Protein backbone atom coordinates (compact mmCIF):
# COMPACT_ATOMS: atom_id res chain seq x y z
CA MET A 1 4.51 -1.27 -2.53
CA LEU A 2 2.86 2.11 -4.37
CA ILE A 3 6.16 3.96 -3.37
CA SER A 4 8.35 1.14 -5.29
CA ALA A 5 5.97 0.88 -8.36
CA PHE A 6 5.64 4.27 -9.18
CA ALA A 7 9.14 5.78 -8.48
CA PHE A 8 11.28 2.48 -9.76
CA GLY A 9 8.82 0.01 -11.85
CA GLY A 10 9.53 -3.41 -11.77
CA THR A 11 7.60 -6.45 -10.09
CA PRO A 12 5.82 -3.89 -7.56
CA TRP A 13 4.63 -2.11 -10.94
CA ASN A 14 3.71 -5.13 -12.50
CA ALA A 15 1.61 -6.28 -9.13
CA VAL A 16 -0.25 -2.71 -9.11
CA GLN A 17 -0.90 -3.08 -12.98
CA GLN A 18 -2.55 -6.57 -12.18
CA ALA A 19 -4.60 -5.22 -9.09
CA PHE A 20 -5.57 -2.04 -11.18
CA ALA A 21 -7.24 -5.00 -13.66
CA GLU A 22 -8.65 -7.28 -11.12
CA ALA A 23 -9.09 -6.48 -7.41
CA ASP A 24 -10.95 -4.25 -5.55
CA ILE A 25 -8.51 -1.62 -3.80
CA TYR A 26 -9.29 0.14 -0.50
CA VAL A 27 -7.69 3.52 1.49
CA SER A 28 -8.37 5.35 4.37
CA PRO A 29 -8.20 8.93 5.61
CA ALA A 30 -4.90 7.75 7.09
CA VAL A 31 -3.73 5.88 4.40
CA LEU A 32 -4.11 8.80 2.09
CA ARG A 33 -2.40 11.07 4.67
CA GLU A 34 0.68 8.91 3.95
CA TYR A 35 0.52 8.68 -0.05
CA ARG A 36 0.30 12.40 0.51
CA GLU A 37 3.65 13.18 2.90
CA VAL A 38 6.13 10.27 2.20
CA PRO A 39 6.45 11.37 -1.86
CA LEU A 40 7.51 14.97 -0.03
CA GLU A 41 9.65 13.34 2.55
CA LEU A 42 11.53 11.26 -0.14
CA PHE A 43 12.16 14.13 -2.54
CA ALA A 44 13.13 16.69 0.25
CA LYS A 45 15.60 13.72 1.62
CA GLY A 46 16.98 13.45 -1.93
CA LYS A 47 16.12 9.57 -2.20
CA ILE A 48 14.27 9.91 -5.49
CA ASP A 49 14.62 12.89 -8.18
CA SER A 50 12.14 15.08 -9.81
CA ILE A 51 10.98 12.81 -12.62
CA GLN A 52 10.67 9.81 -10.16
CA PHE A 53 8.55 12.44 -7.92
CA LYS A 54 6.11 13.28 -10.54
CA ALA A 55 5.88 9.74 -11.33
CA LEU A 56 4.77 8.98 -7.93
CA ILE A 57 2.48 11.74 -7.38
CA SER A 58 0.67 10.76 -10.66
CA GLY A 59 0.84 7.31 -9.76
CA ILE A 60 -0.75 7.58 -6.58
CA ALA A 61 -3.33 9.91 -7.86
CA ALA A 62 -4.20 7.14 -10.34
CA PHE A 63 -4.29 4.64 -7.62
CA VAL A 64 -6.51 6.67 -5.22
CA ALA A 65 -9.23 7.36 -8.31
CA LYS A 66 -9.63 3.49 -8.10
CA ALA A 67 -9.87 3.29 -4.61
CA ALA A 68 -12.88 2.84 -2.38
CA VAL A 69 -12.30 5.31 0.74
CA ILE A 70 -12.76 3.23 3.94
CA TYR A 71 -13.22 4.72 7.28
CA PRO A 72 -11.73 2.21 10.14
CA LYS A 73 -13.94 2.28 13.28
CA GLN A 74 -11.22 -0.01 15.06
CA LYS A 75 -7.72 1.05 16.28
CA LEU A 76 -5.29 -1.92 15.88
CA SER A 77 -2.22 -2.25 17.59
CA ILE A 78 -0.18 -5.43 15.92
CA CYS A 79 2.59 -4.32 14.13
CA ARG A 80 6.18 -3.89 15.33
CA ASP A 81 6.06 -0.64 13.63
CA PRO A 82 2.89 1.32 14.91
CA LYS A 83 2.80 3.64 11.81
CA ASP A 84 1.75 0.45 9.42
CA ASN A 85 -1.14 -0.37 11.81
CA ILE A 86 -3.14 2.18 9.65
CA VAL A 87 -2.99 -0.31 6.93
CA LEU A 88 -4.09 -3.16 8.80
CA GLU A 89 -7.12 -0.99 10.09
CA CYS A 90 -8.03 -0.28 6.61
CA CYS A 91 -7.71 -3.93 5.56
CA PHE A 92 -9.94 -5.05 8.71
CA GLU A 93 -12.64 -2.55 8.06
CA ALA A 94 -12.99 -3.34 4.19
CA LYS A 95 -12.75 -6.92 5.02
CA ALA A 96 -9.81 -7.21 2.25
CA HIS A 97 -8.56 -10.81 1.81
CA SER A 98 -4.88 -9.74 0.74
CA LEU A 99 -2.68 -7.17 1.43
CA ILE A 100 0.15 -6.60 -1.12
CA THR A 101 3.21 -5.35 0.22
CA GLY A 102 6.85 -5.10 0.34
CA ASP A 103 6.95 -3.87 3.89
CA LYS A 104 8.81 -6.30 6.02
CA ASP A 105 7.32 -5.41 9.59
CA LEU A 106 3.61 -6.45 7.88
CA LEU A 107 4.98 -9.34 5.99
CA GLU A 108 6.64 -10.77 9.27
CA LEU A 109 3.04 -10.99 10.73
CA HIS A 110 1.36 -14.50 10.51
CA HIS A 111 -1.00 -14.42 13.58
CA LEU A 112 -3.54 -11.67 12.57
CA PRO A 113 -6.96 -11.52 14.61
CA PHE A 114 -8.72 -11.56 11.75
CA ASN A 115 -8.41 -13.26 8.36
CA LEU A 116 -5.71 -11.72 5.79
CA LYS A 117 -3.16 -13.03 3.24
CA ILE A 118 -0.52 -10.63 3.45
CA ILE A 119 1.97 -11.03 0.17
CA THR A 120 4.48 -9.48 -1.59
CA PRO A 121 4.33 -8.16 -5.31
CA LEU A 122 5.93 -11.16 -6.73
CA GLN A 123 3.70 -13.47 -5.04
CA TYR A 124 0.57 -11.33 -6.13
CA SER A 125 2.15 -11.43 -9.50
CA LYS A 126 2.51 -15.42 -9.69
CA ILE A 127 -1.19 -15.75 -8.50
CA SER A 128 -2.88 -15.24 -11.80
C-alpha cells in the first residue's frame, strides 16, 4: 500500500493519512529492508519516474519515523508469496488487529493461525 500511496496517491494515500492520524504503525527489519529495496527496483525498471521516486522515498521516511520497530521471533510460512510472510510475522509479533494492504496474496488469506483482519485501503477508509 505504501508504494501506491506515495508514488500514485488516491485511495491508498487517503488510507495512509488516516492511519497516521489514528493507528499504531509497526515495521520489522525485514519490512524496512523491503521499503529500501522496492523503490530502487521500481525506478530502475522505469515503473516510476524521478518525481515519484523522490515522493516515495520521502513518504516511506515519514511513515517509518512514526512506526515502532518490531523484531519478530517466529518465522511464518502462510502466504502463497513467501516474500509476504515478513509482513505477517511483523503483524503477529506486534499483535496487530489490522493489516491494510492492496496485495492480493495477503488479501486472499482467510484462515490465519492468529487474529488479524486484512483489509484494503478502501475498506479502511470507510471504517471511520
